[in-house]
């Protein structure tokens, strides 16, 4: 029978570190860990290993933020973790490729990675765990298992991802404050969600896509930026006895070709103090998403000022005090790729949470969506677009093109502007119009109608990102696509962004994304020339050579 090893920095005869204990641990060993913080990581290939935190849950912390690796990784192994607090930086906190991964009473936090990933046929068993930070909470990819009574909160993107045929059972688990989707099921995912709560997701509560067939039973989905459940074309499954509160309409959105079995769902509106508290929580969560965006300090401050004013007006109205007419229409100026569309979406969701607008729907249009080809057609198109956007935000990108003649004879852009001016006033209580474009051109646009400028409450200027901010954005894009930056690459990216020509058409974050795409292509060519099958780390890592190849340096 394998023995139990004790790790402690204080007790005589104990192993001072996990690494020391692992050197002598036999297959099937249990390592008991005294309270304290251990800055190291554990990797297990084959066999089995149990790590147990002594004392109260959370008093033993294993921190791998300085190692660039998961706190615990298992390959075709049985790994059991109990009563531990696990922290990582850019990679997952815990990763299993094949084998069995069991966690109980653990607290996990990651940076730009998932807290838990289970892949390649792994079986994940997670019970009574808390996940408090990460890009994603749990990712099951071609994996199975049971996730029960866990709490996942404040993920930057999705709370739980189930993909590549994975079929875990997720019971009595809470996902709150996901920046994007609460649960994302795609690529033939077949999970069972039973008795779960999904709340305060930035977008859809549960999204189902790409031939997936989940079972969603007795779940409560509330205060989401998007619909409660969205089922994509070709997807099915079962949705049964679910409750929806304060989600976008409809509660369940079925795309053409979706065919789930739906029964006994219901909507339960919140009232009184519960509704007020829920709205306040939602507003703070959306403002936190705004704060998490790179740069844009002046824009963030302006949006907060607008929200503060709207909140106070709501309180005054409820107290029976006079409230003046307020316009919710805004002008966004600046170069492309500076986050204007993202901020506009958040603004709409904030207005919905404050009860200023009926819903947070977002409609983005350009000149071709508003301007017709013959007399009378433009008024018809513009009115239809505004009708569709009413209740939420109408975002007009490159709005200045409406005031420019196409050079082909009759031009009806001016007719669209005149119609817009009228309907912005008529529907100021049920619509927010945001026009966006280059700073100088937007000034010409506002001169196209004498009443246009007065319809907007404020102009927000989106400044170009600095080289440091673009480097951070590039790192986030890479991490979102499951890539790592090799040592020295961040310095190389900074130098490239610092030296790049910033013309009027400089794309900011789009330049970062375009550069990453070029680096991925360069990496593909480099890996093809290795003369061997690349390792997982090879596949994930972008290097300075990839940057040099992508930029022709």
Protein backbone atom coordinates (compact mmCIF):
# COMPACT_ATOMS: atom_id res chain seq x y z
CA UNK A 1 0.00 0.00 0.00
CA UNK A 2 1.42 3.42 -1.00
CA UNK A 3 2.37 5.56 1.94
CA UNK A 4 1.22 9.06 2.91
CA UNK A 5 3.82 11.82 2.68
CA UNK A 6 3.68 15.05 4.68
CA UNK A 7 4.69 18.41 3.23
CA UNK A 8 5.41 21.18 5.71
CA UNK A 9 7.88 24.03 5.94
CA UNK A 10 7.85 23.82 9.75
CA UNK A 11 7.54 20.24 10.95
CA UNK A 12 10.77 18.23 11.42
CA UNK A 13 10.97 15.19 9.17
CA UNK A 14 8.40 16.54 6.69
CA UNK A 15 9.19 17.30 3.07
CA UNK A 16 9.69 21.06 2.67
CA UNK A 17 8.07 21.25 -0.79
CA UNK A 18 5.78 19.34 -3.09
CA UNK A 19 8.68 18.79 -5.49
CA UNK A 20 10.66 17.04 -2.75
CA UNK A 21 7.72 14.79 -1.90
CA UNK A 22 7.03 13.97 -5.54
CA UNK A 23 10.60 12.78 -6.05
CA UNK A 24 10.01 9.86 -3.68
CA UNK A 25 6.25 9.38 -4.10
CA UNK A 26 5.19 5.98 -5.36
CA UNK A 27 2.18 5.44 -7.67
CA UNK A 28 -1.00 5.78 -5.61
CA UNK A 29 0.68 7.98 -2.97
CA UNK A 30 -1.18 10.57 -0.91
CA UNK A 31 0.58 13.85 -0.15
CA UNK A 32 -0.84 15.71 2.85
CA UNK A 33 0.00 19.40 2.88
CA UNK A 34 0.22 21.61 5.95
CA UNK A 35 -1.40 25.08 5.80
CA UNK A 36 0.71 27.64 3.94
CA UNK A 37 1.52 28.88 0.46
CA UNK A 38 3.53 26.73 -1.96
CA UNK A 39 4.82 28.38 -5.14
CA UNK A 40 5.25 25.40 -7.44
CA UNK A 41 3.38 23.12 -9.82
CA UNK A 42 2.64 19.40 -10.03
CA UNK A 43 2.66 17.24 -13.16
CA UNK A 44 1.53 13.60 -13.17
CA UNK A 45 1.82 11.16 -16.08
CA UNK A 46 0.18 7.77 -15.59
CA UNK A 47 -0.51 6.20 -12.20
CA UNK A 48 -2.40 8.04 -9.48
CA UNK A 49 -1.75 10.76 -6.93
CA UNK A 50 -3.80 12.41 -4.17
CA UNK A 51 -3.10 15.88 -2.78
CA UNK A 52 -4.92 16.76 0.44
CA UNK A 53 -4.87 20.13 2.18
CA UNK A 54 -4.78 19.87 5.96
CA UNK A 55 -6.66 22.29 8.19
CA UNK A 56 -9.68 24.21 6.95
CA UNK A 57 -10.48 24.28 3.21
CA UNK A 58 -8.45 27.02 1.53
CA UNK A 59 -5.68 27.19 4.13
CA UNK A 60 -3.33 25.39 1.72
CA UNK A 61 -2.52 27.45 -1.38
CA UNK A 62 -0.54 26.16 -4.35
CA UNK A 63 0.40 29.11 -6.54
CA UNK A 64 1.87 28.50 -10.01
CA UNK A 65 1.55 32.06 -11.30
CA UNK A 66 5.31 32.37 -11.68
CA UNK A 67 5.85 29.07 -13.48
CA UNK A 68 3.89 29.58 -16.70
CA UNK A 69 2.30 26.15 -16.20
CA UNK A 70 -0.92 24.74 -14.66
CA UNK A 71 -0.88 24.26 -10.90
CA UNK A 72 -1.72 20.59 -11.39
CA UNK A 73 -1.69 18.72 -14.70
CA UNK A 74 -2.41 15.05 -15.29
CA UNK A 75 -1.89 12.99 -18.43
CA UNK A 76 -3.63 9.59 -18.44
CA UNK A 77 -3.45 9.69 -14.65
CA UNK A 78 -5.87 9.58 -11.72
CA UNK A 79 -5.41 12.82 -9.79
CA UNK A 80 -7.41 13.67 -6.66
CA UNK A 81 -7.35 17.14 -5.07
CA UNK A 82 -9.07 17.97 -1.77
CA UNK A 83 -9.27 21.13 0.30
CA UNK A 84 -6.81 23.14 -1.77
CA UNK A 85 -6.66 26.70 -3.07
CA UNK A 86 -5.10 26.69 -6.56
CA UNK A 87 -3.91 29.75 -8.49
CA UNK A 88 -2.44 30.07 -11.99
CA UNK A 89 -1.68 32.91 -14.39
CA UNK A 90 -2.10 32.51 -18.14
CA UNK A 91 -2.78 28.76 -18.28
CA UNK A 92 -5.43 26.61 -16.63
CA UNK A 93 -5.24 26.12 -12.89
CA UNK A 94 -5.87 22.38 -13.28
CA UNK A 95 -5.64 20.39 -16.51
CA UNK A 96 -6.40 16.74 -17.27
CA UNK A 97 -5.65 15.05 -20.57
CA UNK A 98 -7.23 11.61 -20.34
CA UNK A 99 -7.45 9.78 -17.03
CA UNK A 100 -9.53 10.93 -14.05
CA UNK A 101 -9.49 14.30 -12.32
CA UNK A 102 -11.31 14.58 -9.00
CA UNK A 103 -11.65 17.82 -7.02
CA UNK A 104 -13.51 18.35 -3.75
CA UNK A 105 -13.77 21.50 -1.60
CA UNK A 106 -11.21 23.35 -3.71
CA UNK A 107 -10.98 27.04 -4.63
CA UNK A 108 -9.52 27.87 -8.03
CA UNK A 109 -8.46 31.05 -9.82
CA UNK A 110 -6.79 31.52 -13.20
CA UNK A 111 -5.67 34.50 -15.29
CA UNK A 112 -6.21 34.36 -19.05
CA UNK A 113 -6.97 30.68 -19.05
CA UNK A 114 -9.60 28.28 -17.73
CA UNK A 115 -9.69 27.32 -14.07
CA UNK A 116 -10.31 23.64 -14.98
CA UNK A 117 -9.82 21.92 -18.35
CA UNK A 118 -10.62 18.28 -19.05
CA UNK A 119 -9.71 16.95 -22.51
CA UNK A 120 -8.97 13.85 -24.58
CA UNK A 121 -11.45 11.49 -22.89
CA UNK A 122 -10.78 12.64 -19.33
CA UNK A 123 -13.35 12.07 -16.59
CA UNK A 124 -13.88 15.12 -14.41
CA UNK A 125 -15.43 14.81 -10.96
CA UNK A 126 -15.80 18.18 -9.24
CA UNK A 127 -17.80 18.68 -6.07
CA UNK A 128 -18.31 21.74 -3.84
CA UNK A 129 -15.62 23.77 -5.60
CA UNK A 130 -15.45 27.54 -6.03
CA UNK A 131 -13.99 29.16 -9.13
CA UNK A 132 -13.44 32.86 -8.55
CA UNK A 133 -11.36 34.13 -11.51
CA UNK A 134 -10.32 33.15 -15.01
CA UNK A 135 -11.04 33.64 -18.67
CA UNK A 136 -13.28 30.57 -18.49
CA UNK A 137 -14.49 28.56 -15.50
CA UNK A 138 -14.59 24.93 -16.66
CA UNK A 139 -13.81 23.62 -20.16
CA UNK A 140 -14.85 20.04 -21.00
CA UNK A 141 -13.53 19.05 -24.42
CA UNK A 142 -14.10 15.42 -25.47
CA UNK A 143 -14.56 14.65 -21.77
CA UNK A 144 -17.17 13.31 -19.37
CA UNK A 145 -17.87 13.32 -15.63
CA UNK A 146 -19.97 15.00 -12.96
CA UNK A 147 -19.80 18.59 -11.76
CA UNK A 148 -21.92 19.09 -8.66
CA UNK A 149 -22.63 21.93 -6.22
CA UNK A 150 -19.90 24.15 -7.64
CA UNK A 151 -19.88 27.97 -7.79
CA UNK A 152 -18.36 29.75 -10.79
CA UNK A 153 -18.30 33.54 -10.62
CA UNK A 154 -16.97 36.54 -12.53
CA UNK A 155 -15.30 34.82 -15.48
CA UNK A 156 -14.02 37.18 -18.17
CA UNK A 157 -15.68 35.20 -20.97
CA UNK A 158 -17.76 32.00 -20.63
CA UNK A 159 -18.58 30.30 -17.33
CA UNK A 160 -18.66 26.70 -18.62
CA UNK A 161 -17.70 25.40 -22.08
CA UNK A 162 -18.73 21.93 -23.28
CA UNK A 163 -17.47 20.89 -26.71
CA UNK A 164 -16.22 18.10 -29.00
CA UNK A 165 -18.85 15.58 -27.94
CA UNK A 166 -18.29 16.08 -24.21
CA UNK A 167 -21.19 14.84 -22.06
CA UNK A 168 -20.68 15.86 -18.42
CA UNK A 169 -23.55 15.98 -15.94
CA UNK A 170 -23.68 19.39 -14.22
CA UNK A 171 -25.92 19.48 -11.14
CA UNK A 172 -26.89 22.23 -8.68
CA UNK A 173 -24.09 24.45 -9.93
CA UNK A 174 -24.17 28.26 -10.06
CA UNK A 175 -22.63 30.39 -12.79
CA UNK A 176 -22.78 34.13 -12.07
CA UNK A 177 -21.19 37.18 -13.64
CA UNK A 178 -19.76 35.59 -16.81
CA UNK A 179 -18.56 38.33 -19.13
CA UNK A 180 -19.97 36.60 -22.20
CA UNK A 181 -22.07 33.41 -22.01
CA UNK A 182 -22.99 31.54 -18.86
CA UNK A 183 -22.72 28.12 -20.53
CA UNK A 184 -21.55 27.52 -24.11
CA UNK A 185 -22.26 24.13 -25.70
CA UNK A 186 -20.93 23.51 -29.19
CA UNK A 187 -19.28 21.00 -31.54
CA UNK A 188 -21.64 18.13 -30.67
CA UNK A 189 -21.68 18.77 -26.93
CA UNK A 190 -24.21 16.66 -24.98
CA UNK A 191 -24.16 17.84 -21.36
CA UNK A 192 -26.94 17.48 -18.82
CA UNK A 193 -27.60 20.61 -16.74
CA UNK A 194 -29.88 19.82 -13.81
CA UNK A 195 -30.95 22.30 -11.13
CA UNK A 196 -28.35 24.91 -12.12
CA UNK A 197 -28.53 28.70 -11.82
CA UNK A 198 -27.10 31.00 -14.50
CA UNK A 199 -27.20 34.71 -13.62
CA UNK A 200 -25.75 38.03 -14.77
CA UNK A 201 -24.18 36.72 -17.97
CA UNK A 202 -23.08 39.52 -20.28
CA UNK A 203 -24.81 37.85 -23.20
CA UNK A 204 -26.78 34.59 -23.51
CA UNK A 205 -27.42 32.46 -20.43
CA UNK A 206 -26.96 29.13 -22.28
CA UNK A 207 -25.83 29.07 -25.92
CA UNK A 208 -26.11 25.87 -27.98
CA UNK A 209 -24.40 25.59 -31.39
CA UNK A 210 -22.89 23.26 -34.00
CA UNK A 211 -24.89 20.04 -33.78
CA UNK A 212 -25.14 19.99 -29.97
CA UNK A 213 -27.93 18.31 -27.97
CA UNK A 214 -27.91 19.27 -24.27
CA UNK A 215 -30.48 18.39 -21.63
CA UNK A 216 -31.37 21.47 -19.58
CA UNK A 217 -33.69 20.63 -16.72
CA UNK A 218 -35.02 22.62 -13.73
CA UNK A 219 -32.57 25.48 -14.27
CA UNK A 220 -33.06 29.12 -13.28
CA UNK A 221 -31.68 31.71 -15.72
CA UNK A 222 -31.93 35.38 -14.85
CA UNK A 223 -30.52 38.89 -15.39
CA UNK A 224 -28.72 38.09 -18.63
CA UNK A 225 -27.69 40.60 -21.28
CA UNK A 226 -29.02 38.30 -24.00
CA UNK A 227 -31.78 35.71 -24.18
CA UNK A 228 -32.04 32.97 -21.59
CA UNK A 229 -31.27 30.06 -23.94
CA UNK A 230 -30.25 30.26 -27.60
CA UNK A 231 -30.36 27.10 -29.72
CA UNK A 232 -28.58 27.15 -33.07
CA UNK A 233 -29.55 25.59 -36.38
CA UNK A 234 -29.27 21.80 -36.43
CA UNK A 235 -29.18 21.57 -32.62
CA UNK A 236 -31.68 19.79 -30.42
CA UNK A 237 -31.84 18.36 -26.92
CA UNK A 238 -34.34 18.88 -24.12
CA UNK A 239 -35.32 22.06 -22.24
CA UNK A 240 -37.64 21.22 -19.37
CA UNK A 241 -39.10 23.01 -16.34
CA UNK A 242 -36.78 26.04 -16.53
CA UNK A 243 -37.44 29.51 -15.07
CA UNK A 244 -36.47 32.79 -16.73
CA UNK A 245 -36.27 36.19 -15.02
CA UNK A 246 -35.07 39.48 -16.52
CA UNK A 247 -33.60 38.04 -19.70
CA UNK A 248 -33.79 39.53 -23.18
CA UNK A 249 -36.81 38.52 -25.23
CA UNK A 250 -37.59 35.76 -26.05
CA UNK A 251 -36.59 33.59 -23.09
CA UNK A 252 -35.68 30.78 -25.53
CA UNK A 253 -34.47 31.78 -28.99
CA UNK A 254 -34.62 29.03 -31.62
CA UNK A 255 -32.70 29.71 -34.80
CA UNK A 256 -34.10 28.27 -38.06
CA UNK A 257 -33.53 24.52 -38.07
CA UNK A 258 -33.26 24.15 -34.28
CA UNK A 259 -35.45 21.37 -32.87
CA UNK A 260 -35.17 20.90 -29.09
CA UNK A 261 -38.02 19.45 -27.04
CA UNK A 262 -39.34 22.22 -24.78
CA UNK A 263 -41.78 21.77 -21.90
CA UNK A 264 -42.96 23.45 -18.69
CA UNK A 265 -40.83 26.60 -18.93
CA UNK A 266 -41.99 29.76 -17.22
CA UNK A 267 -41.04 33.37 -16.59
CA UNK A 268 -41.13 34.79 -13.05
CA UNK A 269 -40.66 38.58 -12.95
CA UNK A 270 -38.94 40.07 -9.92
CA UNK A 271 -40.74 42.79 -8.00
CA UNK A 272 -40.09 45.32 -5.26
CA UNK A 273 -36.77 45.34 -3.40
CA UNK A 274 -35.59 42.16 -5.13
CA UNK A 275 -35.94 43.83 -8.53
CA UNK A 276 -34.08 46.96 -7.35
CA UNK A 277 -31.26 44.89 -5.87
CA UNK A 278 -31.00 42.79 -9.01
CA UNK A 279 -30.81 45.89 -11.19
CA UNK A 280 -28.07 47.41 -9.05
CA UNK A 281 -26.03 44.21 -9.17
CA UNK A 282 -26.43 44.08 -12.94
CA UNK A 283 -25.32 47.70 -13.37
CA UNK A 284 -22.19 47.16 -11.27
CA UNK A 285 -21.37 44.01 -13.19
CA UNK A 286 -21.68 45.80 -16.54
CA UNK A 287 -19.55 48.69 -15.29
CA UNK A 288 -16.94 46.15 -14.20
CA UNK A 289 -16.91 44.81 -17.76
CA UNK A 290 -16.36 48.34 -19.01
CA UNK A 291 -13.51 48.85 -16.55
CA UNK A 292 -11.90 45.60 -17.71
CA UNK A 293 -11.48 46.94 -21.25
CA UNK A 294 -7.96 48.02 -22.17
CA UNK A 295 -7.33 51.80 -22.01
CA UNK A 296 -10.19 54.24 -22.71
CA UNK A 297 -9.91 56.04 -19.36
CA UNK A 298 -11.74 59.17 -20.55
CA UNK A 299 -14.52 57.14 -22.22
CA UNK A 300 -15.05 55.03 -19.12
CA UNK A 301 -15.31 58.16 -16.98
CA UNK A 302 -17.88 59.74 -19.32
CA UNK A 303 -20.03 56.59 -19.41
CA UNK A 304 -19.97 56.35 -15.62
CA UNK A 305 -21.06 60.01 -15.37
CA UNK A 306 -23.98 59.33 -17.71
CA UNK A 307 -25.03 56.26 -15.73
CA UNK A 308 -24.76 58.15 -12.43
CA UNK A 309 -27.04 60.86 -13.78
CA UNK A 310 -29.60 58.34 -15.05
CA UNK A 311 -29.60 56.48 -11.73
CA UNK A 312 -30.20 59.68 -9.77
CA UNK A 313 -33.00 60.67 -12.17
CA UNK A 314 -34.63 57.28 -11.55
CA UNK A 315 -34.47 57.82 -7.80
CA UNK A 316 -35.87 61.37 -8.16
CA UNK A 317 -38.73 60.11 -10.29
CA UNK A 318 -39.55 57.41 -7.72
CA UNK A 319 -39.50 60.07 -4.98
CA UNK A 320 -42.00 62.22 -6.88
CA UNK A 321 -39.44 64.92 -7.80
CA UNK A 322 -39.18 66.69 -11.13
CA UNK A 323 -36.86 65.21 -13.75
CA UNK A 324 -35.90 67.10 -16.90
CA UNK A 325 -35.92 65.60 -20.38
CA UNK A 326 -32.73 63.66 -21.01
CA UNK A 327 -31.32 62.48 -24.33
CA UNK A 328 -29.67 59.06 -24.44
CA UNK A 329 -28.22 59.57 -27.92
CA UNK A 330 -24.41 59.71 -28.15
CA UNK A 331 -21.63 60.48 -30.63
CA UNK A 332 -18.54 58.24 -30.66
CA UNK A 333 -15.53 59.68 -32.49
CA UNK A 334 -12.09 58.23 -33.13
CA UNK A 335 -10.15 55.80 -35.25
CA UNK A 336 -11.38 52.25 -35.96
CA UNK A 337 -10.58 49.37 -33.62
CA UNK A 338 -10.81 51.42 -30.43
CA UNK A 339 -13.76 49.62 -28.85
CA UNK A 340 -16.64 51.83 -29.98
CA UNK A 341 -18.96 48.94 -30.84
CA UNK A 342 -18.18 47.10 -27.58
CA UNK A 343 -18.86 50.19 -25.47
CA UNK A 344 -22.09 50.82 -27.39
CA UNK A 345 -23.31 47.31 -26.56
CA UNK A 346 -22.51 47.77 -22.87
CA UNK A 347 -24.24 51.15 -22.88
CA UNK A 348 -27.43 49.55 -24.19
CA UNK A 349 -27.31 46.83 -21.52
CA UNK A 350 -26.75 49.49 -18.84
CA UNK A 351 -29.80 51.44 -20.02
CA UNK A 352 -31.85 48.26 -19.87
CA UNK A 353 -30.63 47.44 -16.34
CA UNK A 354 -31.53 50.94 -15.16
CA UNK A 355 -35.01 50.61 -16.67
CA UNK A 356 -34.32 53.53 -19.01
CA UNK A 357 -34.92 51.41 -22.13
CA UNK A 358 -37.27 48.42 -22.46
CA UNK A 359 -34.51 46.02 -23.51
CA UNK A 360 -30.80 45.91 -24.28
CA UNK A 361 -31.02 44.79 -27.90
CA UNK A 362 -28.38 46.18 -30.22
CA UNK A 363 -28.71 46.88 -33.93
CA UNK A 364 -25.67 47.94 -35.93
CA UNK A 365 -26.22 49.51 -39.36
CA UNK A 366 -24.35 51.46 -42.02
CA UNK A 367 -25.28 53.70 -44.93
CA UNK A 368 -26.53 50.86 -47.15
CA UNK A 369 -29.08 49.81 -44.47
CA UNK A 370 -30.64 53.30 -44.39
CA UNK A 371 -30.31 54.80 -47.86
CA UNK A 372 -32.55 53.67 -50.72
CA UNK A 373 -32.25 53.84 -54.48
CA UNK A 374 -35.26 55.93 -55.40
CA UNK A 375 -37.48 58.69 -54.02
CA UNK A 376 -39.39 57.50 -50.95
CA UNK A 377 -37.32 54.34 -50.52
CA UNK A 378 -34.91 55.92 -48.01
CA UNK A 379 -37.65 57.10 -45.66
CA UNK A 380 -39.14 53.63 -45.75
CA UNK A 381 -35.80 51.89 -45.03
CA UNK A 382 -34.80 54.31 -42.26
CA UNK A 383 -38.18 54.06 -40.53
CA UNK A 384 -38.04 50.25 -40.67
CA UNK A 385 -34.56 50.17 -39.14
CA UNK A 386 -35.57 52.49 -36.32
CA UNK A 387 -38.72 50.48 -35.68
CA UNK A 388 -36.63 47.33 -35.35
CA UNK A 389 -34.14 49.02 -32.99
CA UNK A 390 -36.74 50.70 -30.78
CA UNK A 391 -36.39 49.52 -27.21
CA UNK A 392 -32.62 49.32 -27.46
CA UNK A 393 -29.61 50.85 -29.21
CA UNK A 394 -29.23 51.77 -32.88
CA UNK A 395 -25.52 51.98 -33.71
CA UNK A 396 -24.67 53.72 -37.01
CA UNK A 397 -21.04 53.09 -37.95
CA UNK A 398 -19.29 55.52 -40.30
CA UNK A 399 -22.33 57.76 -39.98
CA UNK A 400 -20.56 60.56 -41.88
CA UNK A 401 -21.08 58.60 -45.11
CA UNK A 402 -24.75 59.60 -44.94
CA UNK A 403 -23.78 63.22 -45.64
CA UNK A 404 -21.53 62.34 -48.58
CA UNK A 405 -22.80 62.14 -52.13
CA UNK A 406 -22.20 58.84 -53.86
CA UNK A 407 -21.35 60.71 -57.05
CA UNK A 408 -23.93 58.80 -59.05
CA UNK A 409 -26.58 61.47 -59.54
CA UNK A 410 -29.40 61.59 -56.99
CA UNK A 411 -28.24 60.77 -53.46
CA UNK A 412 -30.68 60.13 -50.64
CA UNK A 413 -28.30 60.23 -47.64
CA UNK A 414 -29.67 63.62 -46.62
CA UNK A 415 -33.18 62.17 -46.58
CA UNK A 416 -32.00 59.48 -44.14
CA UNK A 417 -30.45 62.14 -41.87
CA UNK A 418 -33.63 64.24 -41.86
CA UNK A 419 -35.76 61.19 -41.03
CA UNK A 420 -33.30 60.20 -38.31
CA UNK A 421 -33.49 63.65 -36.68
CA UNK A 422 -37.27 63.44 -36.47
CA UNK A 423 -37.50 59.90 -35.13
CA UNK A 424 -34.68 60.43 -32.58
CA UNK A 425 -36.86 63.09 -30.97
CA UNK A 426 -40.13 61.17 -31.29
CA UNK A 427 -38.64 58.07 -29.66
CA UNK A 428 -36.14 59.54 -27.25
CA UNK A 429 -37.68 57.59 -24.35
CA UNK A 430 -37.47 54.22 -26.09
CA UNK A 431 -34.39 54.43 -28.29
CA UNK A 432 -30.72 55.34 -27.97
CA UNK A 433 -28.97 56.27 -31.22
CA UNK A 434 -25.18 56.16 -31.29
CA UNK A 435 -23.38 57.50 -34.37
CA UNK A 436 -19.70 56.69 -34.82
CA UNK A 437 -16.84 57.61 -37.10
CA UNK A 438 -13.61 59.54 -37.57
CA UNK A 439 -13.44 62.77 -35.55
CA UNK A 440 -13.12 65.29 -38.42
CA UNK A 441 -15.67 63.58 -40.66
CA UNK A 442 -18.24 63.43 -37.85
CA UNK A 443 -18.07 67.21 -37.54
CA UNK A 444 -19.13 67.50 -41.19
CA UNK A 445 -21.92 64.98 -40.56
CA UNK A 446 -23.37 67.06 -37.72
CA UNK A 447 -23.54 70.10 -40.04
CA UNK A 448 -25.81 68.19 -42.46
CA UNK A 449 -28.96 69.12 -40.48
CA UNK A 450 -29.41 72.12 -38.20
CA UNK A 451 -31.15 70.05 -35.53
CA UNK A 452 -28.88 67.03 -35.60
CA UNK A 453 -26.19 68.08 -33.10
CA UNK A 454 -28.76 69.08 -30.48
CA UNK A 455 -30.23 65.56 -30.46
CA UNK A 456 -27.08 64.08 -28.89
CA UNK A 457 -26.32 64.24 -25.17
CA UNK A 458 -22.55 63.98 -25.43
CA UNK A 459 -19.57 63.23 -27.66
CA UNK A 460 -17.12 60.55 -26.48
CA UNK A 461 -13.65 60.60 -28.05
CA UNK A 462 -11.96 57.19 -28.41
CA UNK A 463 -8.21 57.70 -28.49
CA UNK A 464 -5.68 55.46 -30.25
CA UNK A 465 -4.21 52.70 -28.08
CA UNK A 466 -0.63 53.08 -26.87
CA UNK A 467 2.02 50.46 -27.78
CA UNK A 468 1.73 48.96 -24.28
CA UNK A 469 -2.06 48.73 -24.59
CA UNK A 470 -1.83 47.12 -28.04
CA UNK A 471 0.65 44.60 -26.64
CA UNK A 472 -1.80 43.73 -23.87
CA UNK A 473 -4.65 43.43 -26.41
CA UNK A 474 -2.53 41.11 -28.58
CA UNK A 475 -1.82 38.94 -25.54
CA UNK A 476 -5.52 38.72 -24.70
CA UNK A 477 -6.44 37.81 -28.28
CA UNK A 478 -3.80 35.09 -28.28
CA UNK A 479 -4.95 33.71 -24.92
CA UNK A 480 -8.58 33.67 -26.09
CA UNK A 481 -7.52 31.45 -29.00
CA UNK A 482 -5.49 29.15 -26.68
CA UNK A 483 -2.05 30.48 -27.62
CA UNK A 484 0.85 31.43 -25.36
CA UNK A 485 3.49 34.10 -25.97
CA UNK A 486 7.05 32.81 -25.71
CA UNK A 487 9.56 34.69 -23.52
CA UNK A 488 10.70 37.87 -25.24
CA UNK A 489 7.71 38.06 -27.57
CA UNK A 490 5.91 40.75 -25.55
CA UNK A 491 8.98 43.00 -25.87
CA UNK A 492 9.02 42.32 -29.60
CA UNK A 493 5.32 43.18 -29.92
CA UNK A 494 5.85 46.41 -28.00
CA UNK A 495 8.71 47.44 -30.30
CA UNK A 496 6.63 46.64 -33.38
CA UNK A 497 3.61 48.64 -32.19
CA UNK A 498 5.85 51.52 -31.09
CA UNK A 499 7.39 51.77 -34.56
CA UNK A 500 4.31 51.18 -36.71
CA UNK A 501 3.06 54.05 -38.91
CA UNK A 502 -0.12 55.53 -37.47
CA UNK A 503 -1.92 56.91 -40.49
CA UNK A 504 -5.53 58.10 -40.48
CA UNK A 505 -6.63 54.53 -41.22
CA UNK A 506 -4.65 52.90 -38.39
CA UNK A 507 -6.81 50.04 -37.11
CA UNK A 508 -5.72 49.86 -33.43
CA UNK A 509 -7.08 46.55 -32.03
CA UNK A 510 -7.72 45.39 -35.58
CA UNK A 511 -3.99 45.79 -36.27
CA UNK A 512 -3.28 43.58 -33.25
CA UNK A 513 -5.69 40.91 -34.49
CA UNK A 514 -4.30 41.10 -38.03
CA UNK A 515 -0.76 40.72 -36.67
CA UNK A 516 -1.78 37.67 -34.60
CA UNK A 517 -3.31 36.08 -37.68
CA UNK A 518 -0.04 36.58 -39.53
CA UNK A 519 1.91 35.09 -36.62
CA UNK A 520 -0.35 32.03 -36.54
CA UNK A 521 0.31 31.48 -40.25
CA UNK A 522 4.05 31.86 -39.65
CA UNK A 523 3.84 29.39 -36.77
CA UNK A 524 2.07 26.87 -39.02
CA UNK A 525 4.89 27.02 -41.53
CA UNK A 526 7.51 26.74 -38.78
CA UNK A 527 5.85 23.69 -37.24
CA UNK A 528 5.48 22.00 -40.62
CA UNK A 529 9.24 22.26 -41.05
CA UNK A 530 10.06 20.65 -37.69
CA UNK A 531 10.34 17.16 -39.17
CA UNK A 532 8.28 15.70 -36.31
CA UNK A 533 4.79 15.89 -34.85
CA UNK A 534 4.71 19.05 -32.69
CA UNK A 535 3.96 18.77 -28.99
CA UNK A 536 0.99 20.46 -27.35
CA UNK A 537 3.31 23.23 -26.12
CA UNK A 538 4.66 23.66 -29.66
CA UNK A 539 1.11 24.06 -30.98
CA UNK A 540 0.20 26.66 -28.37
CA UNK A 541 3.36 28.79 -28.40
CA UNK A 542 3.97 31.81 -30.61
CA UNK A 543 7.60 32.92 -30.80
CA UNK A 544 9.65 35.95 -31.74
CA UNK A 545 10.51 34.21 -35.01
CA UNK A 546 6.79 34.10 -35.83
CA UNK A 547 6.56 37.85 -35.24
CA UNK A 548 9.58 38.52 -37.44
CA UNK A 549 8.16 36.33 -40.21
CA UNK A 550 4.71 37.96 -39.99
CA UNK A 551 6.13 41.48 -40.16
CA UNK A 552 8.86 40.75 -42.71
CA UNK A 553 11.48 42.04 -40.26
